[in-house]
């Protein structure tokens, strides 16, 4: 892989990971039309670093929140070790608990239906229909009124429901950011908090995906000639991811989040016709 290709893929990763257009769906599209079926197998280390790049972009935007969550996690472990009461929770610990609850559904469903979900990545027709569904979810935001809930007001039942929305995004073509933001709005979350909660939810998801690749990375080994392309792709993913998050927040605040629905409908429609008549 040359540096130009690495940067291009980094840009695509940074944009599709956070814009509500489904990164997994676009992966299937690239595999189908650009002959990239062996990308993950032959460039596993590169794929892992692209995920690290998107993590960096989240840390750049929500660095203070991430740091508070890390501190809350270790303070929680300390209190459990010392057998202290954890009934009275700080705002950061409350946020940590909310994120844990929201992550559980995707973990359970992901492991229980791993093979079935992976099979969907081979179906262009499924991705087309899923993109049409994503478009509907995004269009729905134009009809929703922003709620008022922030960390202190959000119930664990709200977090669980948002977690179920994230489950849908395990399927290629369903946007993770789009579905979880819609889930947050449906549960009465304030727009700004719905976006923040959605992206903070992605941290364990992205980190988990990277950790699961470690055994394969060890077996694959490392080619020193890939160092420059890997670093270039990672930087591109981090920069475009940062821009994408900022752009998404601004668009949602202006009430124009639904504009992405037209893109999803257009791509989904073309892909559906391609799948039916190829």
Foldseek 3Di string as FASTA:
>chain_A
DDQVVLLVVLLLLLQQQAQQFFSLLVVLVCCVPVVCVCVCVQPVVLVLLSLVLLVLLLCVVCVVLVVLLVVLVVVVVVCVVVVHDCPDDDLSVLLNLLLVLLQVVQVVLCVVCVVVQVVLSNALQVLLVLLLVQLVLQLCLLVFDAADDASVRDDSVLSNQLSVLCNSSSHTNGGQQSSSLSSNRVRRHGNVRSNSSSVVSCVCVSVVVSVVCVVVDVVNDDDPVCVSSSVSSSNSSNVSNNVNSVVCSVCVVVSNSSVVSVVSNVVSVVSNVVSVPD
